[in-house]
Amino acid sequence: MCTIEGKPTLPPEAEKGAGGAARELIARLEGVHFAYPTEKGGSRIPVLEDVSLDIYGDDFLGIIGPNGAGKTTLLKLLLGLIEPQSGRITVFGRRPAEVRQWIGYVPQHARVDTSVPASVLDVVLAGRISQSRWGFRYSRADREAALEALRQTGVADLAGRALGTLSGGQRQRVLIARALVSRPRLLLLDEPTAGIDPAVERNLTDLLHQLNHSLPIAIVSHDIGFVSRHLKRVACLNRRLTVHAVDQVSQELFVGLYHDHVRLMHHADCCPLTDPGCDQGCSSPTDSAENSCPVHRSKTSETPPPPPTRNAEPGGAIP
């Protein structure tokens, strides 16, 4: 039986939300095992072991874990791009491959080939191919849907621009628009905040919160700070998976997940970066506010500022 936050799940029709209303079950993984074959045909390399997870209609779920933990593999299973060796996966009550057109997927923007001579509108229209009656010829309705998706993500003015000329934040919004153009009922994102600066991250986060009013979202992320600040639940994955409410996350939880030393970092409001290795002198939450940022330190202090501390885990900071 699947577990959610340490408790057995009820049947979909009996699952209740915080207000007592029934929650719509979107996706369910039950006892899923997956392993990749080796190049020489030897024993398979296990990636996921006995993974169970429920995703609901109001979910804003973060999936975190170290490199090689199986996070992207989990998204591919939900998309029906690969099949598990054992276990059961249903999305909207059916096999994932049968409902792929109802799932929006945003890959890591760093993996997108920006040298392709395509406009922003062309990129978003590509999200309509599976619904187009004319193959690669798009109808007027397709173009209207693409422009609406660009307006929804705040980049309609970039429709004629080449993808390679955009900033990381702009490109990420375009990729989200491409995922939305097919009017999905579930949105999956792989590292949406990777490689973008904090100001752009805040704008992107605002967009995701708006979308979550009408759309369940699951996000793979290395940024623990982003997950703990903005999402509702956290799925911790390292071959096996456990799910926790955001208020249950702790340093001990991450130490167990990453099997390494993890230090909680406090970043002052004026700190321009959220990475614990930001070299801004940010320090642990036990330090006083005046010592947490170079801007707040007294210029007349005779004590030299402490050297910046770096987190052993590149996953991000917990504010």
Protein backbone atom coordinates (compact mmCIF):
# COMPACT_ATOMS: atom_id res chain seq x y z
CA MET A 1 0.00 0.00 0.00
CA CYS A 2 1.23 3.51 -0.82
CA THR A 3 2.12 5.86 2.02
CA ILE A 4 1.75 9.60 2.20
CA GLU A 5 3.56 11.44 4.96
CA GLY A 6 3.91 8.24 6.91
CA LYS A 7 0.26 7.21 6.69
CA PRO A 8 -1.46 4.65 4.44
CA THR A 9 -3.40 6.33 1.66
CA LEU A 10 -7.14 5.96 1.54
CA PRO A 11 -8.95 5.04 -1.65
CA PRO A 12 -9.11 8.06 -4.02
CA GLU A 13 -12.74 8.74 -3.31
CA ALA A 14 -12.09 8.82 0.45
CA GLU A 15 -8.91 10.95 0.48
CA LYS A 16 -9.65 14.24 2.20
CA GLY A 17 -7.92 17.61 2.02
CA ALA A 18 -7.29 20.05 4.84
CA GLY A 19 -10.80 21.46 4.59
CA GLY A 20 -12.43 18.04 4.55
CA ALA A 21 -13.18 18.12 0.82
CA ALA A 22 -12.29 15.11 -1.34
CA ARG A 23 -8.96 15.44 -3.18
CA GLU A 24 -8.72 14.41 -6.81
CA LEU A 25 -6.11 11.71 -7.34
CA ILE A 26 -4.03 12.60 -10.41
CA ALA A 27 -1.22 10.05 -10.40
CA ARG A 28 -0.28 7.00 -8.34
CA LEU A 29 2.91 4.94 -8.21
CA GLU A 30 2.71 1.68 -6.26
CA GLY A 31 5.78 -0.40 -5.41
CA VAL A 32 7.69 0.76 -8.50
CA HIS A 33 11.09 -0.75 -9.27
CA PHE A 34 13.23 0.47 -12.17
CA ALA A 35 16.76 -0.35 -13.31
CA TYR A 36 18.75 0.64 -16.39
CA PRO A 37 20.56 -2.07 -18.37
CA THR A 38 24.34 -1.91 -18.52
CA GLU A 39 26.12 -1.28 -21.82
CA LYS A 40 27.59 -4.78 -21.84
CA GLY A 41 24.31 -6.47 -21.02
CA GLY A 42 25.26 -7.40 -17.47
CA SER A 43 23.19 -6.95 -14.34
CA ARG A 44 20.84 -4.00 -14.41
CA ILE A 45 21.71 -0.90 -12.38
CA PRO A 46 18.88 -0.28 -9.87
CA VAL A 47 17.62 3.31 -9.81
CA LEU A 48 14.25 3.14 -8.04
CA GLU A 49 13.28 0.60 -5.39
CA ASP A 50 9.75 0.10 -4.05
CA VAL A 51 8.71 3.69 -4.82
CA SER A 52 5.14 4.66 -3.94
CA LEU A 53 3.68 8.13 -4.40
CA ASP A 54 0.31 9.83 -4.84
CA ILE A 55 -0.07 13.19 -6.62
CA TYR A 56 -3.30 15.11 -6.05
CA GLY A 57 -5.13 17.84 -7.92
CA ASP A 58 -3.99 20.59 -5.54
CA ASP A 59 -0.39 19.42 -5.22
CA PHE A 60 2.68 21.64 -5.41
CA LEU A 61 5.22 18.87 -4.92
CA GLY A 62 9.00 19.09 -4.80
CA ILE A 63 11.16 16.08 -5.65
CA ILE A 64 14.67 16.36 -4.22
CA GLY A 65 17.67 14.09 -3.86
CA PRO A 66 21.35 13.75 -4.78
CA ASN A 67 22.63 13.26 -8.31
CA GLY A 68 21.77 9.81 -9.61
CA ALA A 69 18.92 9.39 -7.12
CA GLY A 70 16.34 8.74 -9.87
CA LYS A 71 14.53 12.09 -9.98
CA THR A 72 14.47 12.53 -13.76
CA THR A 73 13.77 8.81 -14.15
CA LEU A 74 10.68 9.30 -11.99
CA LEU A 75 9.43 12.03 -14.35
CA LYS A 76 10.04 9.79 -17.37
CA LEU A 77 7.97 7.05 -15.74
CA LEU A 78 5.12 9.49 -15.11
CA LEU A 79 5.31 10.54 -18.78
CA GLY A 80 5.22 6.93 -19.95
CA LEU A 81 8.55 7.29 -21.76
CA ILE A 82 9.93 4.25 -19.92
CA GLU A 83 8.28 1.31 -18.16
CA PRO A 84 9.09 -0.03 -14.68
CA GLN A 85 10.34 -3.59 -14.22
CA SER A 86 7.68 -4.07 -11.54
CA GLY A 87 5.03 -2.08 -9.74
CA ARG A 88 2.11 -0.08 -11.10
CA ILE A 89 1.78 3.49 -12.38
CA THR A 90 -1.48 5.21 -13.26
CA VAL A 91 -2.09 8.79 -14.34
CA PHE A 92 -5.71 9.90 -14.46
CA GLY A 93 -6.55 6.25 -13.83
CA ARG A 94 -4.80 5.03 -17.00
CA ARG A 95 -1.35 4.01 -18.21
CA PRO A 96 0.89 7.11 -18.50
CA ALA A 97 1.57 6.62 -22.22
CA GLU A 98 -2.18 6.76 -22.92
CA VAL A 99 -2.59 10.21 -21.35
CA ARG A 100 0.72 11.83 -22.23
CA GLN A 101 -1.11 14.61 -24.05
CA TRP A 102 -2.62 15.64 -20.70
CA ILE A 103 0.81 16.07 -19.10
CA GLY A 104 2.91 19.20 -19.58
CA TYR A 105 6.66 18.66 -19.27
CA VAL A 106 9.36 21.31 -18.89
CA PRO A 107 12.90 19.92 -19.32
CA GLN A 108 16.00 21.57 -17.94
CA HIS A 109 16.53 24.65 -20.10
CA ALA A 110 20.27 24.01 -20.09
CA ARG A 111 19.60 20.89 -22.19
CA VAL A 112 17.71 22.78 -24.89
CA ASP A 113 19.63 23.40 -28.11
CA THR A 114 19.52 27.18 -28.53
CA SER A 115 21.38 27.05 -31.85
CA VAL A 116 18.25 25.85 -33.64
CA PRO A 117 17.03 28.73 -35.87
CA ALA A 118 13.53 28.77 -34.42
CA SER A 119 11.48 31.65 -33.09
CA VAL A 120 9.87 31.64 -29.67
CA LEU A 121 6.47 31.14 -31.32
CA ASP A 122 7.82 28.13 -33.25
CA VAL A 123 9.09 26.57 -30.03
CA VAL A 124 5.74 26.97 -28.29
CA LEU A 125 3.84 25.69 -31.32
CA ALA A 126 5.88 22.49 -31.11
CA GLY A 127 3.82 21.69 -28.03
CA ARG A 128 0.74 21.35 -30.27
CA ILE A 129 2.15 18.76 -32.66
CA SER A 130 0.41 15.85 -30.96
CA GLN A 131 -2.94 17.66 -31.30
CA SER A 132 -2.52 19.01 -34.81
CA ARG A 133 -4.60 17.39 -37.53
CA TRP A 134 -2.14 18.49 -40.18
CA GLY A 135 1.10 17.07 -38.80
CA PHE A 136 3.66 19.86 -38.76
CA ARG A 137 1.23 22.37 -40.29
CA TYR A 138 -0.40 24.45 -37.60
CA SER A 139 -3.93 25.77 -37.72
CA ARG A 140 -5.13 29.19 -36.69
CA ALA A 141 -6.38 27.67 -33.44
CA ASP A 142 -2.88 26.31 -32.77
CA ARG A 143 -1.34 29.75 -33.22
CA GLU A 144 -3.96 31.40 -31.02
CA ALA A 145 -3.30 28.79 -28.32
CA ALA A 146 0.46 29.42 -28.56
CA LEU A 147 0.05 33.18 -28.24
CA GLU A 148 -2.28 32.69 -25.27
CA ALA A 149 0.31 30.46 -23.56
CA LEU A 150 2.96 33.15 -24.14
CA ARG A 151 0.64 35.77 -22.65
CA GLN A 152 -0.04 33.50 -19.68
CA THR A 153 3.68 33.24 -18.97
CA GLY A 154 4.33 36.93 -19.57
CA VAL A 155 6.53 36.66 -22.67
CA ALA A 156 4.11 37.37 -25.54
CA ASP A 157 6.34 40.25 -26.65
CA LEU A 158 9.11 37.76 -27.38
CA ALA A 159 7.12 35.69 -29.92
CA GLY A 160 9.27 36.76 -32.87
CA ARG A 161 12.62 36.48 -31.12
CA ALA A 162 15.08 33.64 -31.71
CA LEU A 163 15.32 31.26 -28.75
CA GLY A 164 19.10 31.65 -28.60
CA THR A 165 18.83 35.39 -27.93
CA LEU A 166 16.86 34.98 -24.69
CA SER A 167 18.09 35.08 -21.12
CA GLY A 168 17.82 31.99 -18.94
CA GLY A 169 14.70 33.26 -17.21
CA GLN A 170 13.00 34.20 -20.49
CA ARG A 171 13.87 30.85 -21.99
CA GLN A 172 12.41 29.04 -18.99
CA ARG A 173 9.12 30.92 -19.36
CA VAL A 174 9.02 29.99 -23.05
CA LEU A 175 9.51 26.32 -22.19
CA ILE A 176 6.69 26.56 -19.63
CA ALA A 177 4.50 28.14 -22.33
CA ARG A 178 5.30 25.21 -24.63
CA ALA A 179 4.15 22.83 -21.88
CA LEU A 180 0.95 24.81 -21.30
CA VAL A 181 -0.07 25.17 -24.95
CA SER A 182 -1.58 21.68 -24.97
CA ARG A 183 -3.73 22.63 -21.96
CA PRO A 184 -2.33 19.92 -19.65
CA ARG A 185 -3.94 18.65 -16.47
CA LEU A 186 -0.59 17.95 -14.77
CA LEU A 187 2.64 19.94 -15.03
CA LEU A 188 6.09 18.37 -14.47
CA LEU A 189 9.24 20.51 -14.32
CA ASP A 190 12.87 19.39 -14.21
CA GLU A 191 15.17 21.86 -12.43
CA PRO A 192 13.23 25.02 -13.41
CA THR A 193 15.37 27.34 -11.26
CA ALA A 194 18.78 25.97 -12.31
CA GLY A 195 21.11 28.59 -13.74
CA ILE A 196 18.90 31.64 -13.18
CA ASP A 197 19.55 34.52 -10.80
CA PRO A 198 17.47 35.11 -7.63
CA ALA A 199 15.39 37.99 -9.05
CA VAL A 200 14.37 35.87 -12.04
CA GLU A 201 13.72 32.94 -9.71
CA ARG A 202 11.26 35.05 -7.71
CA ASN A 203 9.36 36.01 -10.86
CA LEU A 204 9.31 32.40 -12.02
CA THR A 205 8.09 31.27 -8.60
CA ASP A 206 5.23 33.78 -8.75
CA LEU A 207 4.22 32.33 -12.12
CA LEU A 208 4.27 28.75 -10.78
CA HIS A 209 2.13 29.77 -7.79
CA GLN A 210 -0.42 31.30 -10.18
CA LEU A 211 -0.48 28.15 -12.30
CA ASN A 212 -0.89 25.98 -9.20
CA HIS A 213 -4.29 27.56 -8.53
CA SER A 214 -5.67 25.46 -11.38
CA LEU A 215 -2.99 22.87 -12.08
CA PRO A 216 -1.13 20.27 -9.97
CA ILE A 217 2.64 20.73 -10.26
CA ALA A 218 5.58 18.44 -9.48
CA ILE A 219 9.07 19.94 -9.58
CA VAL A 220 12.45 18.22 -9.55
CA SER A 221 14.97 20.50 -7.87
CA HIS A 222 18.40 20.57 -6.27
CA ASP A 223 17.54 23.88 -4.61
CA ILE A 224 16.46 22.87 -1.11
CA GLY A 225 15.79 26.50 -0.21
CA PHE A 226 13.35 26.90 -3.11
CA VAL A 227 11.54 23.69 -2.19
CA SER A 228 11.26 24.49 1.52
CA ARG A 229 10.07 28.06 0.92
CA HIS A 230 7.51 27.60 -1.81
CA LEU A 231 6.18 24.06 -2.15
CA LYS A 232 3.54 22.19 -0.18
CA ARG A 233 5.11 18.74 0.06
CA VAL A 234 8.60 17.36 -0.38
CA ALA A 235 9.35 13.93 -1.88
CA CYS A 236 12.83 12.86 -0.80
CA LEU A 237 14.28 10.40 -3.29
CA ASN A 238 17.47 8.37 -3.18
CA ARG A 239 16.41 5.09 -4.79
CA ARG A 240 13.64 4.88 -2.18
CA LEU A 241 11.14 7.66 -1.62
CA THR A 242 9.53 9.28 1.40
CA VAL A 243 7.09 12.19 1.36
CA HIS A 244 6.90 14.93 3.95
CA ALA A 245 4.96 18.11 4.56
CA VAL A 246 7.22 21.14 4.14
CA ASP A 247 7.03 21.96 7.85
CA GLN A 248 8.54 18.53 8.57
CA VAL A 249 11.79 19.16 6.69
CA SER A 250 14.85 19.43 8.90
CA GLN A 251 18.62 19.25 8.81
CA GLU A 252 18.45 15.64 10.03
CA LEU A 253 16.17 14.74 7.13
CA PHE A 254 18.64 16.05 4.56
CA VAL A 255 21.63 14.47 6.26
CA GLY A 256 19.87 11.11 5.96
CA LEU A 257 18.96 11.82 2.34
CA TYR A 258 22.37 12.99 1.14
CA HIS A 259 24.48 10.83 3.49
CA ASP A 260 26.79 13.79 4.02
CA HIS A 261 27.33 16.77 6.27
CA VAL A 262 24.67 19.41 5.67
CA ARG A 263 24.80 22.86 7.24
CA LEU A 264 21.79 25.14 7.43
CA MET A 265 22.57 28.61 6.09
CA HIS A 266 20.80 31.92 6.72
CA HIS A 267 20.83 34.49 3.94
CA ALA A 268 20.09 38.08 4.84
CA ASP A 269 17.43 39.88 2.82
CA CYS A 270 20.10 41.96 1.11
CA CYS A 271 22.09 38.92 0.01
CA PRO A 272 21.98 38.84 -3.82
CA LEU A 273 22.33 35.07 -4.07
CA THR A 274 20.69 32.01 -2.58
CA ASP A 275 23.64 29.65 -3.01
CA PRO A 276 25.44 28.83 0.27
CA GLY A 277 28.75 29.38 -1.47
CA CYS A 278 27.79 32.90 -2.48
CA ASP A 279 30.93 34.51 -1.00
CA GLN A 280 28.77 37.19 0.59
CA GLY A 281 29.76 36.14 4.10
CA CYS A 282 26.35 34.70 4.92
CA SER A 283 26.50 32.47 7.94
CA SER A 284 24.52 30.12 10.12
CA PRO A 285 21.11 31.01 11.58
CA THR A 286 22.65 31.31 15.07
CA ASP A 287 24.74 34.32 14.06
CA SER A 288 23.36 37.80 14.67
CA ALA A 289 21.70 39.63 11.80
CA GLU A 290 24.43 42.27 11.74
CA ASN A 291 27.00 39.56 11.04
CA SER A 292 24.95 37.69 8.44
CA CYS A 293 25.79 39.93 5.51
CA PRO A 294 28.69 42.22 4.56
CA VAL A 295 26.24 45.11 4.06
CA HIS A 296 25.07 44.81 7.67
CA ARG A 297 28.49 44.54 9.22
CA SER A 298 29.81 47.65 10.93
CA LYS A 299 32.49 49.26 8.81
CA THR A 300 34.23 50.44 11.97
CA SER A 301 34.44 46.97 13.47
CA GLU A 302 37.99 45.96 14.31
CA THR A 303 37.12 42.30 13.99
CA PRO A 304 37.62 41.02 10.43
CA PRO A 305 34.57 39.39 8.91
CA PRO A 306 34.49 35.61 9.01
CA PRO A 307 35.35 33.82 5.78
CA PRO A 308 32.37 32.63 3.71
CA THR A 309 31.19 29.15 4.55
CA ARG A 310 30.40 26.58 1.91
CA ASN A 311 27.89 23.81 2.09
CA ALA A 312 29.19 20.36 1.24
CA GLU A 313 25.96 19.62 -0.62
CA PRO A 314 25.41 21.67 -3.80
CA GLY A 315 21.64 21.37 -3.45
CA GLY A 316 21.04 24.85 -2.03
CA ALA A 317 20.32 26.61 1.21
CA ILE A 318 17.50 26.44 3.67
CA PRO A 319 16.53 29.97 4.71
